[in-house]
Amino acid sequence: MAEYKKSSKAALLMLCLCFEVIILLSRVSNCFLTQTLISAMEDTPSMTTPSRDSPLTFREVTEENWRAVANLSLKDGQIGNLAPNVWSLCEAHYSEDAWVRAIYADETLVGMLMMAIWDPEEAYYIWRFMIDGRYQGLGYGRRGVEFAIAHIRQHKPQAKQLGLMSTPREGKMSGNPTKKVTPEDSPYKFYQKLGFRETAPPDEDGEIMMSIDL
């Protein structure tokens, strides 16, 4: 009888421990599911369609939105103008002169601005700039560049010029279809209209330096 009681107590103890483990696993599972859903919601652009009049905000790239920023893309014919955002974010992480912002129209993620700000040499550049192909034609590109110019003027008053690299007016030829850019898909005229001028011939990658006086 005593042996049976010991076995019963042991069995009851084991049963309680099993229930506690099940409850703990359930809580962990629910927490993981909740975090996954939150992450998915944060990485998914807002369903609200932005308009030409939508206010633009330039926000830090964080753990919550970097995946959505990495997933932004240009139109097919423009891909050769710019490295993928995921590559840009990787470079920015290891570059002390990188300054990166996610561009939002209202609450919709529409683009990315990455600048190189290097005070020792008074070197200031728009390193990477893009508006997702779905949101082009709404004036966000012009406003994004104007923001970059205003930011440098305000925070770096010693800056004399703001530079950038662009595909030439005539586009780029390449054996790799993804790197080929037609004249119509080159951003050269876009930057030219905003006041940038060509300051150097094409480099080894077929890109030219353009700059604007500040």
N, C-alpha and C. Protein backbone atom coordinates (compact mmCIF):
# COMPACT_ATOMS: atom_id res chain seq x y z
N MET A 1 0.84 -1.21 0.00
CA MET A 1 0.00 0.00 0.00
C MET A 1 0.86 1.24 0.00
N ALA A 2 1.92 1.27 0.82
CA ALA A 2 2.83 2.40 0.88
C ALA A 2 3.53 2.59 -0.46
N GLU A 3 3.91 1.46 -1.08
CA GLU A 3 4.59 1.52 -2.38
C GLU A 3 3.66 2.11 -3.43
N TYR A 4 2.40 1.78 -3.36
CA TYR A 4 1.41 2.30 -4.31
C TYR A 4 1.24 3.79 -4.14
N LYS A 5 1.21 4.26 -2.89
CA LYS A 5 1.08 5.69 -2.60
C LYS A 5 2.28 6.45 -3.15
N LYS A 6 3.49 5.87 -2.98
CA LYS A 6 4.69 6.52 -3.51
C LYS A 6 4.60 6.64 -5.04
N SER A 7 4.16 5.55 -5.66
CA SER A 7 4.03 5.57 -7.12
C SER A 7 2.98 6.57 -7.57
N SER A 8 1.87 6.64 -6.79
CA SER A 8 0.80 7.58 -7.14
C SER A 8 1.29 9.01 -7.03
N LYS A 9 2.01 9.30 -5.94
CA LYS A 9 2.54 10.65 -5.76
C LYS A 9 3.53 11.00 -6.88
N ALA A 10 4.38 10.05 -7.21
CA ALA A 10 5.36 10.27 -8.28
C ALA A 10 4.66 10.52 -9.61
N ALA A 11 3.63 9.71 -9.86
CA ALA A 11 2.88 9.87 -11.12
C ALA A 11 2.18 11.22 -11.16
N LEU A 12 1.61 11.62 -9.99
CA LEU A 12 0.92 12.90 -9.93
C LEU A 12 1.89 14.05 -10.15
N LEU A 13 3.09 13.93 -9.54
CA LEU A 13 4.12 14.95 -9.72
C LEU A 13 4.54 15.06 -11.18
N MET A 14 4.74 13.91 -11.82
CA MET A 14 5.12 13.91 -13.22
C MET A 14 4.02 14.52 -14.08
N LEU A 15 2.77 14.20 -13.73
CA LEU A 15 1.65 14.75 -14.49
C LEU A 15 1.59 16.26 -14.37
N CYS A 16 1.83 16.77 -13.15
CA CYS A 16 1.83 18.22 -12.94
C CYS A 16 2.96 18.88 -13.73
N LEU A 17 4.12 18.22 -13.71
CA LEU A 17 5.26 18.77 -14.45
C LEU A 17 4.96 18.80 -15.95
N CYS A 18 4.30 17.77 -16.44
CA CYS A 18 3.94 17.72 -17.86
C CYS A 18 2.99 18.84 -18.23
N PHE A 19 2.00 19.08 -17.33
CA PHE A 19 1.05 20.15 -17.58
C PHE A 19 1.76 21.51 -17.61
N GLU A 20 2.71 21.70 -16.69
CA GLU A 20 3.45 22.97 -16.65
C GLU A 20 4.26 23.16 -17.92
N VAL A 21 4.88 22.07 -18.39
CA VAL A 21 5.65 22.16 -19.64
C VAL A 21 4.74 22.49 -20.81
N ILE A 22 3.57 21.84 -20.85
CA ILE A 22 2.61 22.09 -21.94
C ILE A 22 2.16 23.54 -21.92
N ILE A 23 1.86 24.07 -20.73
CA ILE A 23 1.43 25.46 -20.60
C ILE A 23 2.53 26.41 -21.03
N LEU A 24 3.80 26.11 -20.61
CA LEU A 24 4.93 26.95 -20.98
C LEU A 24 5.13 26.96 -22.48
N LEU A 25 5.07 25.76 -23.11
CA LEU A 25 5.23 25.67 -24.55
C LEU A 25 4.12 26.40 -25.28
N SER A 26 2.92 26.32 -24.73
CA SER A 26 1.79 27.03 -25.33
C SER A 26 2.01 28.53 -25.31
N ARG A 27 2.51 29.01 -24.15
CA ARG A 27 2.77 30.46 -24.04
C ARG A 27 3.85 30.90 -25.01
N VAL A 28 4.92 30.09 -25.10
CA VAL A 28 6.01 30.42 -26.03
C VAL A 28 5.50 30.42 -27.46
N SER A 29 4.67 29.40 -27.80
CA SER A 29 4.12 29.31 -29.15
C SER A 29 3.25 30.52 -29.47
N ASN A 30 2.39 30.89 -28.51
CA ASN A 30 1.52 32.04 -28.73
C ASN A 30 2.32 33.32 -28.87
N CYS A 31 3.38 33.44 -28.05
CA CYS A 31 4.23 34.64 -28.12
C CYS A 31 4.91 34.71 -29.48
N PHE A 32 5.44 33.55 -29.96
CA PHE A 32 6.10 33.52 -31.26
C PHE A 32 5.13 33.87 -32.38
N LEU A 33 3.90 33.30 -32.28
CA LEU A 33 2.89 33.57 -33.31
C LEU A 33 2.53 35.04 -33.32
N THR A 34 2.39 35.62 -32.12
CA THR A 34 2.06 37.04 -32.03
C THR A 34 3.15 37.90 -32.63
N GLN A 35 4.41 37.59 -32.28
CA GLN A 35 5.54 38.37 -32.81
C GLN A 35 5.63 38.22 -34.32
N THR A 36 5.35 36.99 -34.82
CA THR A 36 5.39 36.77 -36.27
C THR A 36 4.34 37.60 -36.98
N LEU A 37 3.13 37.62 -36.41
CA LEU A 37 2.05 38.39 -37.01
C LEU A 37 2.36 39.88 -36.98
N ILE A 38 2.92 40.35 -35.85
CA ILE A 38 3.28 41.76 -35.74
C ILE A 38 4.33 42.11 -36.77
N SER A 39 5.36 41.23 -36.89
CA SER A 39 6.43 41.47 -37.86
C SER A 39 5.88 41.52 -39.27
N ALA A 40 4.96 40.58 -39.58
CA ALA A 40 4.38 40.55 -40.92
C ALA A 40 3.59 41.81 -41.20
N MET A 41 2.85 42.28 -40.19
CA MET A 41 2.06 43.50 -40.36
C MET A 41 2.97 44.70 -40.56
N GLU A 42 4.09 44.72 -39.82
CA GLU A 42 4.99 45.86 -39.92
C GLU A 42 5.74 45.86 -41.24
N ASP A 43 6.01 44.65 -41.78
CA ASP A 43 6.74 44.55 -43.04
C ASP A 43 5.84 44.73 -44.25
N THR A 44 4.53 44.77 -44.03
CA THR A 44 3.60 44.92 -45.13
C THR A 44 3.21 46.38 -45.30
N PRO A 45 3.39 46.95 -46.49
CA PRO A 45 3.03 48.36 -46.70
C PRO A 45 1.57 48.62 -46.37
N SER A 46 1.29 49.84 -45.98
CA SER A 46 -0.08 50.23 -45.66
C SER A 46 -0.98 50.04 -46.87
N MET A 47 -2.24 49.65 -46.61
CA MET A 47 -3.19 49.43 -47.70
C MET A 47 -3.73 50.76 -48.23
N THR A 48 -3.49 51.83 -47.50
CA THR A 48 -3.94 53.14 -47.95
C THR A 48 -3.09 53.60 -49.13
N THR A 49 -3.73 53.95 -50.22
CA THR A 49 -3.00 54.39 -51.40
C THR A 49 -2.57 55.83 -51.24
N PRO A 50 -1.25 56.10 -51.28
CA PRO A 50 -0.79 57.48 -51.14
C PRO A 50 -1.09 58.28 -52.40
N SER A 51 -1.14 59.59 -52.25
CA SER A 51 -1.44 60.47 -53.38
C SER A 51 -0.31 61.47 -53.57
N ARG A 52 -0.42 62.27 -54.61
CA ARG A 52 0.58 63.29 -54.89
C ARG A 52 0.70 64.29 -53.74
N ASP A 53 -0.40 64.49 -53.01
CA ASP A 53 -0.41 65.45 -51.91
C ASP A 53 -0.04 64.85 -50.57
N SER A 54 0.25 63.56 -50.53
CA SER A 54 0.60 62.92 -49.26
C SER A 54 1.89 63.51 -48.69
N PRO A 55 1.92 63.81 -47.39
CA PRO A 55 3.15 64.31 -46.78
C PRO A 55 4.21 63.21 -46.76
N LEU A 56 5.46 63.59 -46.99
CA LEU A 56 6.56 62.64 -46.93
C LEU A 56 7.28 62.77 -45.60
N THR A 57 7.62 61.64 -45.00
CA THR A 57 8.44 61.62 -43.80
C THR A 57 9.62 60.70 -44.04
N PHE A 58 10.74 61.02 -43.43
CA PHE A 58 11.99 60.29 -43.63
C PHE A 58 12.37 59.67 -42.28
N ARG A 59 12.19 58.36 -42.18
CA ARG A 59 12.30 57.68 -40.91
C ARG A 59 13.50 56.73 -40.88
N GLU A 60 14.02 56.50 -39.69
CA GLU A 60 15.14 55.59 -39.54
C GLU A 60 14.75 54.18 -39.98
N VAL A 61 15.74 53.47 -40.51
CA VAL A 61 15.54 52.06 -40.84
C VAL A 61 15.83 51.26 -39.58
N THR A 62 14.86 50.48 -39.15
CA THR A 62 14.95 49.78 -37.87
C THR A 62 14.72 48.29 -38.05
N GLU A 63 14.76 47.59 -36.93
CA GLU A 63 14.48 46.16 -36.94
C GLU A 63 13.07 45.88 -37.44
N GLU A 64 12.17 46.84 -37.24
CA GLU A 64 10.78 46.64 -37.61
C GLU A 64 10.50 46.84 -39.10
N ASN A 65 11.29 47.70 -39.78
CA ASN A 65 10.93 48.01 -41.18
C ASN A 65 12.00 47.68 -42.22
N TRP A 66 13.16 47.16 -41.79
CA TRP A 66 14.24 46.98 -42.75
C TRP A 66 13.88 45.96 -43.84
N ARG A 67 13.09 44.94 -43.49
CA ARG A 67 12.73 43.95 -44.50
C ARG A 67 11.86 44.58 -45.59
N ALA A 68 10.93 45.43 -45.16
CA ALA A 68 10.07 46.11 -46.14
C ALA A 68 10.89 47.03 -47.03
N VAL A 69 11.88 47.70 -46.44
CA VAL A 69 12.76 48.58 -47.22
C VAL A 69 13.56 47.74 -48.23
N ALA A 70 14.06 46.61 -47.78
CA ALA A 70 14.84 45.73 -48.66
C ALA A 70 14.00 45.20 -49.82
N ASN A 71 12.70 45.07 -49.62
CA ASN A 71 11.82 44.51 -50.65
C ASN A 71 11.33 45.55 -51.66
N LEU A 72 11.61 46.82 -51.45
CA LEU A 72 11.22 47.83 -52.44
C LEU A 72 11.99 47.58 -53.73
N SER A 73 11.39 47.92 -54.86
CA SER A 73 12.07 47.68 -56.13
C SER A 73 11.71 48.74 -57.16
N LEU A 74 12.63 48.94 -58.09
CA LEU A 74 12.42 49.87 -59.20
C LEU A 74 11.62 49.18 -60.30
N LYS A 75 11.27 49.94 -61.33
CA LYS A 75 10.66 49.33 -62.50
C LYS A 75 11.71 48.50 -63.22
N ASP A 76 11.27 47.53 -64.00
CA ASP A 76 12.19 46.58 -64.62
C ASP A 76 13.32 47.25 -65.38
N GLY A 77 13.02 48.23 -66.21
CA GLY A 77 14.05 48.87 -67.02
C GLY A 77 15.01 49.74 -66.24
N GLN A 78 14.70 50.01 -64.96
CA GLN A 78 15.53 50.90 -64.14
C GLN A 78 16.51 50.15 -63.25
N ILE A 79 16.40 48.83 -63.21
CA ILE A 79 17.17 48.05 -62.25
C ILE A 79 18.67 48.26 -62.40
N GLY A 80 19.14 48.47 -63.63
CA GLY A 80 20.57 48.66 -63.86
C GLY A 80 21.11 49.97 -63.33
N ASN A 81 20.23 50.87 -62.89
CA ASN A 81 20.69 52.16 -62.35
C ASN A 81 21.19 52.07 -60.91
N LEU A 82 20.81 51.03 -60.20
CA LEU A 82 20.99 51.05 -58.76
C LEU A 82 21.18 49.64 -58.20
N ALA A 83 22.02 49.54 -57.17
CA ALA A 83 22.16 48.26 -56.47
C ALA A 83 20.88 47.97 -55.68
N PRO A 84 20.56 46.71 -55.45
CA PRO A 84 19.36 46.37 -54.67
C PRO A 84 19.43 46.99 -53.27
N ASN A 85 18.28 47.31 -52.71
CA ASN A 85 18.23 47.93 -51.39
C ASN A 85 18.87 47.06 -50.31
N VAL A 86 18.72 45.74 -50.44
CA VAL A 86 19.30 44.88 -49.42
C VAL A 86 20.82 45.02 -49.39
N TRP A 87 21.43 45.22 -50.54
CA TRP A 87 22.87 45.45 -50.62
C TRP A 87 23.23 46.81 -50.02
N SER A 88 22.41 47.82 -50.31
CA SER A 88 22.65 49.15 -49.76
C SER A 88 22.58 49.14 -48.24
N LEU A 89 21.61 48.44 -47.69
CA LEU A 89 21.47 48.36 -46.23
C LEU A 89 22.66 47.66 -45.60
N CYS A 90 23.17 46.65 -46.29
CA CYS A 90 24.35 45.94 -45.80
C CYS A 90 25.56 46.88 -45.79
N GLU A 91 25.75 47.62 -46.88
CA GLU A 91 26.85 48.58 -46.95
C GLU A 91 26.73 49.64 -45.87
N ALA A 92 25.52 50.13 -45.68
CA ALA A 92 25.29 51.18 -44.69
C ALA A 92 25.63 50.71 -43.28
N HIS A 93 25.36 49.45 -43.01
CA HIS A 93 25.62 48.90 -41.68
C HIS A 93 27.10 48.94 -41.33
N TYR A 94 27.94 48.79 -42.34
CA TYR A 94 29.38 48.74 -42.11
C TYR A 94 30.11 50.00 -42.57
N SER A 95 29.37 51.06 -42.88
CA SER A 95 29.99 52.31 -43.34
C SER A 95 29.66 53.42 -42.36
N GLU A 96 30.68 53.96 -41.72
CA GLU A 96 30.45 54.98 -40.69
C GLU A 96 29.94 56.30 -41.27
N ASP A 97 30.09 56.49 -42.57
CA ASP A 97 29.64 57.74 -43.18
C ASP A 97 28.24 57.62 -43.78
N ALA A 98 27.60 56.46 -43.64
CA ALA A 98 26.28 56.26 -44.25
C ALA A 98 25.16 56.84 -43.38
N TRP A 99 24.21 57.46 -44.03
CA TRP A 99 23.01 58.03 -43.38
C TRP A 99 21.82 57.56 -44.20
N VAL A 100 20.95 56.73 -43.61
CA VAL A 100 19.89 56.08 -44.37
C VAL A 100 18.53 56.40 -43.76
N ARG A 101 17.56 56.64 -44.64
CA ARG A 101 16.19 56.88 -44.19
C ARG A 101 15.21 56.15 -45.12
N ALA A 102 14.17 55.62 -44.50
CA ALA A 102 13.04 55.05 -45.25
C ALA A 102 12.06 56.18 -45.53
N ILE A 103 11.55 56.25 -46.75
CA ILE A 103 10.65 57.34 -47.14
C ILE A 103 9.21 56.84 -47.10
N TYR A 104 8.39 57.57 -46.34
CA TYR A 104 6.97 57.22 -46.23
C TYR A 104 6.11 58.34 -46.79
N ALA A 105 5.08 57.95 -47.54
CA ALA A 105 4.03 58.88 -47.97
C ALA A 105 2.82 58.53 -47.14
N ASP A 106 2.40 59.46 -46.27
CA ASP A 106 1.44 59.10 -45.23
C ASP A 106 2.07 57.95 -44.44
N GLU A 107 1.43 56.78 -44.40
CA GLU A 107 2.00 55.64 -43.68
C GLU A 107 2.45 54.53 -44.62
N THR A 108 2.56 54.84 -45.90
CA THR A 108 2.99 53.85 -46.88
C THR A 108 4.47 54.03 -47.19
N LEU A 109 5.23 52.96 -47.07
CA LEU A 109 6.65 52.99 -47.42
C LEU A 109 6.78 53.07 -48.93
N VAL A 110 7.48 54.10 -49.43
CA VAL A 110 7.55 54.30 -50.88
C VAL A 110 8.97 54.36 -51.42
N GLY A 111 9.98 54.49 -50.57
CA GLY A 111 11.33 54.61 -51.10
C GLY A 111 12.40 54.60 -50.03
N MET A 112 13.63 54.84 -50.47
CA MET A 112 14.78 54.87 -49.57
C MET A 112 15.77 55.94 -50.02
N LEU A 113 16.32 56.65 -49.05
CA LEU A 113 17.37 57.64 -49.29
C LEU A 113 18.58 57.25 -48.47
N MET A 114 19.72 57.13 -49.13
CA MET A 114 20.97 56.80 -48.45
C MET A 114 22.02 57.81 -48.88
N MET A 115 22.58 58.52 -47.90
CA MET A 115 23.60 59.52 -48.20
C MET A 115 24.92 59.15 -47.54
N ALA A 116 26.00 59.63 -48.13
CA ALA A 116 27.33 59.51 -47.54
C ALA A 116 27.71 60.88 -47.00
N ILE A 117 27.92 60.96 -45.70
CA ILE A 117 28.23 62.24 -45.06
C ILE A 117 29.56 62.08 -44.34
N TRP A 118 30.60 62.64 -44.94
CA TRP A 118 31.96 62.45 -44.43
C TRP A 118 32.59 63.82 -44.16
N ASP A 119 32.48 64.27 -42.92
CA ASP A 119 32.95 65.61 -42.54
C ASP A 119 34.44 65.85 -42.72
N PRO A 120 35.32 64.86 -42.40
CA PRO A 120 36.76 65.13 -42.52
C PRO A 120 37.18 65.66 -43.89
N GLU A 121 36.53 65.20 -44.94
CA GLU A 121 36.88 65.65 -46.29
C GLU A 121 35.79 66.53 -46.89
N GLU A 122 34.81 66.90 -46.06
CA GLU A 122 33.67 67.69 -46.53
C GLU A 122 33.08 67.07 -47.80
N ALA A 123 32.89 65.76 -47.72
CA ALA A 123 32.34 65.01 -48.85
C ALA A 123 30.91 64.62 -48.54
N TYR A 124 29.98 65.05 -49.38
CA TYR A 124 28.57 64.82 -49.14
C TYR A 124 27.92 64.33 -50.44
N TYR A 125 27.32 63.15 -50.38
CA TYR A 125 26.78 62.54 -51.59
C TYR A 125 25.42 61.89 -51.32
N ILE A 126 24.59 61.89 -52.35
CA ILE A 126 23.43 61.00 -52.37
C ILE A 126 23.97 59.67 -52.88
N TRP A 127 24.12 58.73 -51.98
CA TRP A 127 24.77 57.46 -52.30
C TRP A 127 23.79 56.55 -53.06
N ARG A 128 22.61 56.38 -52.51
CA ARG A 128 21.57 55.61 -53.18
C ARG A 128 20.24 56.32 -52.93
N PHE A 129 19.43 56.39 -53.96
CA PHE A 129 18.11 57.00 -53.82
C PHE A 129 17.15 56.30 -54.76
N MET A 130 16.01 55.90 -54.24
CA MET A 130 15.04 55.22 -55.09
C MET A 130 13.62 55.41 -54.57
N ILE A 131 12.69 55.43 -55.52
CA ILE A 131 11.27 55.38 -55.23
C ILE A 131 10.75 54.10 -55.87
N ASP A 132 10.03 53.31 -55.11
CA ASP A 132 9.48 52.06 -55.62
C ASP A 132 8.68 52.32 -56.90
N GLY A 133 8.81 51.40 -57.85
CA GLY A 133 8.15 51.56 -59.14
C GLY A 133 6.65 51.80 -59.05
N ARG A 134 6.02 51.29 -58.01
CA ARG A 134 4.57 51.45 -57.84
C ARG A 134 4.18 52.88 -57.50
N TYR A 135 5.15 53.66 -56.99
CA TYR A 135 4.81 54.99 -56.49
C TYR A 135 5.54 56.10 -57.25
N GLN A 136 6.07 55.77 -58.42
CA GLN A 136 6.72 56.80 -59.23
C GLN A 136 5.66 57.62 -59.97
N GLY A 137 6.04 58.83 -60.36
CA GLY A 137 5.12 59.69 -61.09
C GLY A 137 4.23 60.53 -60.19
N LEU A 138 4.51 60.51 -58.88
CA LEU A 138 3.70 61.28 -57.93
C LEU A 138 4.49 62.44 -57.31
N GLY A 139 5.68 62.68 -57.83
CA GLY A 139 6.48 63.79 -57.32
C GLY A 139 7.34 63.45 -56.12
N TYR A 140 7.34 62.18 -55.69
CA TYR A 140 8.11 61.80 -54.51
C TYR A 140 9.62 61.87 -54.77
N GLY A 141 10.03 61.57 -56.01
CA GLY A 141 11.44 61.62 -56.33
C GLY A 141 12.00 63.02 -56.18
N ARG A 142 11.32 63.99 -56.78
CA ARG A 142 11.76 65.39 -56.67
C ARG A 142 11.80 65.83 -55.22
N ARG A 143 10.76 65.53 -54.47
CA ARG A 143 10.69 65.94 -53.08
C ARG A 143 11.76 65.25 -52.23
N GLY A 144 12.09 64.01 -52.59
CA GLY A 144 13.13 63.29 -51.86
C GLY A 144 14.49 63.92 -52.05
N VAL A 145 14.81 64.31 -53.29
CA VAL A 145 16.09 64.98 -53.56
C VAL A 145 16.13 66.36 -52.91
N GLU A 146 15.03 67.08 -52.97
CA GLU A 146 14.98 68.39 -52.33
C GLU A 146 15.18 68.27 -50.82
N PHE A 147 14.66 67.21 -50.23
CA PHE A 147 14.88 66.97 -48.80
C PHE A 147 16.36 66.74 -48.52
N ALA A 148 17.02 65.94 -49.37
CA ALA A 148 18.45 65.65 -49.18
C ALA A 148 19.27 66.94 -49.24
N ILE A 149 18.97 67.79 -50.21
CA ILE A 149 19.69 69.06 -50.35
C ILE A 149 19.46 69.93 -49.11
N ALA A 150 18.20 70.04 -48.68
CA ALA A 150 17.88 70.86 -47.52
C ALA A 150 18.53 70.31 -46.25
N HIS A 151 18.59 68.99 -46.13
CA HIS A 151 19.19 68.37 -44.94
C HIS A 151 20.68 68.73 -44.83
N ILE A 152 21.39 68.63 -45.94
CA ILE A 152 22.82 68.96 -45.92
C ILE A 152 23.02 70.45 -45.66
N ARG A 153 22.23 71.28 -46.29
CA ARG A 153 22.36 72.72 -46.07
C ARG A 153 22.12 73.09 -44.61
N GLN A 154 21.16 72.43 -43.98
CA GLN A 154 20.83 72.76 -42.59
C GLN A 154 21.83 72.20 -41.59
N HIS A 155 22.23 70.94 -41.79
CA HIS A 155 23.07 70.27 -40.80
C HIS A 155 24.56 70.34 -41.10
N LYS A 156 24.92 70.66 -42.34
CA LYS A 156 26.33 70.75 -42.73
C LYS A 156 26.54 72.06 -43.48
N PRO A 157 26.45 73.21 -42.79
CA PRO A 157 26.55 74.51 -43.48
C PRO A 157 27.89 74.73 -44.18
N GLN A 158 28.90 73.95 -43.79
CA GLN A 158 30.21 74.08 -44.44
C GLN A 158 30.24 73.42 -45.82
N ALA A 159 29.24 72.60 -46.12
CA ALA A 159 29.22 71.87 -47.38
C ALA A 159 29.07 72.83 -48.56
N LYS A 160 29.85 72.61 -49.58
CA LYS A 160 29.81 73.45 -50.78
C LYS A 160 29.08 72.78 -51.93
N GLN A 161 29.10 71.46 -51.95
CA GLN A 161 28.44 70.73 -53.03
C GLN A 161 27.82 69.44 -52.50
N LEU A 162 26.81 68.98 -53.21
CA LEU A 162 26.22 67.67 -52.96
C LEU A 162 26.34 66.88 -54.25
N GLY A 163 26.98 65.73 -54.18
CA GLY A 163 27.22 64.94 -55.39
C GLY A 163 26.39 63.66 -55.44
N LEU A 164 26.40 63.02 -56.57
CA LEU A 164 25.75 61.72 -56.76
C LEU A 164 26.29 61.07 -58.03
N MET A 165 26.08 59.77 -58.14
CA MET A 165 26.44 59.04 -59.35
C MET A 165 25.18 58.71 -60.12
N SER A 166 25.24 58.87 -61.45
CA SER A 166 24.07 58.63 -62.28
C SER A 166 24.47 57.86 -63.54
N THR A 167 23.53 57.11 -64.07
CA THR A 167 23.70 56.55 -65.40
C THR A 167 23.75 57.72 -66.39
N PRO A 168 24.63 57.67 -67.41
CA PRO A 168 24.69 58.76 -68.38
C PRO A 168 23.37 58.99 -69.11
N ARG A 169 23.27 60.13 -69.74
CA ARG A 169 22.08 60.48 -70.51
C ARG A 169 21.73 59.40 -71.54
N GLU A 170 22.77 58.83 -72.17
CA GLU A 170 22.56 57.84 -73.23
C GLU A 170 22.31 56.43 -72.71
N GLY A 171 22.28 56.25 -71.39
CA GLY A 171 22.04 54.94 -70.81
C GLY A 171 23.32 54.13 -70.68
N LYS A 172 23.18 52.83 -70.45
CA LYS A 172 24.33 51.95 -70.30
C LYS A 172 24.11 50.67 -71.10
N MET A 173 25.17 50.24 -71.79
CA MET A 173 25.13 48.98 -72.51
C MET A 173 25.81 47.92 -71.65
N SER A 174 25.27 46.72 -71.67
CA SER A 174 25.85 45.63 -70.90
C SER A 174 25.40 44.30 -71.45
N GLY A 175 26.29 43.31 -71.33
CA GLY A 175 25.93 41.97 -71.74
C GLY A 175 24.94 41.34 -70.77
N ASN A 176 24.88 41.91 -69.58
CA ASN A 176 23.93 41.44 -68.57
C ASN A 176 22.64 42.25 -68.70
N PRO A 177 21.54 41.61 -69.11
CA PRO A 177 20.29 42.35 -69.33
C PRO A 177 19.83 43.16 -68.13
N THR A 178 20.15 42.69 -66.91
CA THR A 178 19.69 43.41 -65.72
C THR A 178 20.47 44.70 -65.47
N LYS A 179 21.63 44.83 -66.13
CA LYS A 179 22.45 46.03 -65.95
C LYS A 179 22.34 47.01 -67.12
N LYS A 180 21.63 46.60 -68.15
CA LYS A 180 21.44 47.47 -69.31
C LYS A 180 20.38 48.52 -69.01
N VAL A 181 20.67 49.77 -69.39
CA VAL A 181 19.73 50.87 -69.14
C VAL A 181 19.56 51.67 -70.43
N THR A 182 18.34 51.85 -70.85
CA THR A 182 18.06 52.65 -72.05
C THR A 182 18.06 54.13 -71.68
N PRO A 183 18.20 55.03 -72.66
CA PRO A 183 18.17 56.47 -72.35
C PRO A 183 16.89 56.88 -71.61
N GLU A 184 15.78 56.23 -71.96
CA GLU A 184 14.50 56.59 -71.33
C GLU A 184 14.46 56.23 -69.85
N ASP A 185 15.25 55.24 -69.45
CA ASP A 185 15.26 54.80 -68.06
C ASP A 185 16.40 55.37 -67.24
N SER A 186 17.24 56.19 -67.86
CA SER A 186 18.33 56.84 -67.12
C SER A 186 17.77 58.00 -66.29
N PRO A 187 18.26 58.18 -65.04
CA PRO A 187 17.79 59.30 -64.21
C PRO A 187 18.52 60.61 -64.50
N TYR A 188 19.38 60.61 -65.52
CA TYR A 188 20.21 61.79 -65.81
C TYR A 188 19.37 63.06 -65.95
N LYS A 189 18.36 63.03 -66.78
CA LYS A 189 17.54 64.23 -67.02
C LYS A 189 16.78 64.65 -65.76
N PHE A 190 16.38 63.67 -64.98
CA PHE A 190 15.68 63.95 -63.72
C PHE A 190 16.57 64.80 -62.81
N TYR A 191 17.82 64.37 -62.64
CA TYR A 191 18.74 65.12 -61.78
C TYR A 191 19.13 66.46 -62.41
N GLN A 192 19.25 66.47 -63.72
CA GLN A 192 19.60 67.70 -64.41
C GLN A 192 18.53 68.78 -64.19
N LYS A 193 17.27 68.39 -64.23
CA LYS A 193 16.18 69.34 -64.01
C LYS A 193 16.20 69.92 -62.59
N LEU A 194 16.76 69.16 -61.67
CA LEU A 194 16.82 69.61 -60.28
C LEU A 194 18.06 70.44 -59.98
N GLY A 195 18.88 70.66 -61.01
CA GLY A 195 20.04 71.55 -60.84
C GLY A 195 21.38 70.87 -60.79
N PHE A 196 21.43 69.54 -60.90
CA PHE A 196 22.71 68.83 -60.89
C PHE A 196 23.35 68.92 -62.28
N ARG A 197 24.65 68.99 -62.29
CA ARG A 197 25.39 69.06 -63.56
C ARG A 197 26.48 68.00 -63.57
N GLU A 198 26.82 67.55 -64.75
CA GLU A 198 27.85 66.53 -64.89
C GLU A 198 29.21 67.10 -64.58
N THR A 199 29.97 66.44 -63.70
CA THR A 199 31.27 66.97 -63.28
C THR A 199 32.43 66.01 -63.57
N ALA A 200 32.15 64.81 -64.09
CA ALA A 200 33.21 63.85 -64.39
C ALA A 200 32.72 62.89 -65.45
N PRO A 201 33.64 62.35 -66.27
CA PRO A 201 33.25 61.39 -67.31
C PRO A 201 32.86 60.05 -66.67
N PRO A 202 32.27 59.15 -67.45
CA PRO A 202 31.88 57.84 -66.90
C PRO A 202 33.05 57.08 -66.28
N ASP A 203 32.78 56.41 -65.16
CA ASP A 203 33.82 55.61 -64.52
C ASP A 203 33.81 54.20 -65.09
N GLU A 204 34.51 53.28 -64.41
CA GLU A 204 34.63 51.91 -64.92
C GLU A 204 33.29 51.17 -64.93
N ASP A 205 32.33 51.66 -64.15
CA ASP A 205 31.00 51.05 -64.12
C ASP A 205 30.03 51.73 -65.08
N GLY A 206 30.53 52.72 -65.83
CA GLY A 206 29.68 53.41 -66.78
C GLY A 206 28.80 54.47 -66.16
N GLU A 207 29.13 54.91 -64.93
CA GLU A 207 28.34 55.94 -64.25
C GLU A 207 29.11 57.25 -64.21
N ILE A 208 28.37 58.37 -64.15
CA ILE A 208 29.01 59.68 -64.13
C ILE A 208 28.72 60.40 -62.82
N MET A 209 29.65 61.25 -62.44
CA MET A 209 29.44 62.07 -61.26
C MET A 209 28.68 63.32 -61.64
N MET A 210 27.66 63.65 -60.84
CA MET A 210 26.92 64.89 -61.00
C MET A 210 26.91 65.60 -59.64
N SER A 211 26.82 66.92 -59.65
CA SER A 211 26.82 67.65 -58.39
C SER A 211 26.02 68.93 -58.52
N ILE A 212 25.64 69.45 -57.35
CA ILE A 212 24.92 70.71 -57.29
C ILE A 212 25.56 71.58 -56.22
N ASP A 213 25.69 72.88 -56.50
CA ASP A 213 26.25 73.79 -55.51
C ASP A 213 25.23 74.07 -54.41
N LEU A 214 25.73 74.15 -53.17
CA LEU A 214 24.82 74.37 -52.04
C LEU A 214 24.89 75.81 -51.53
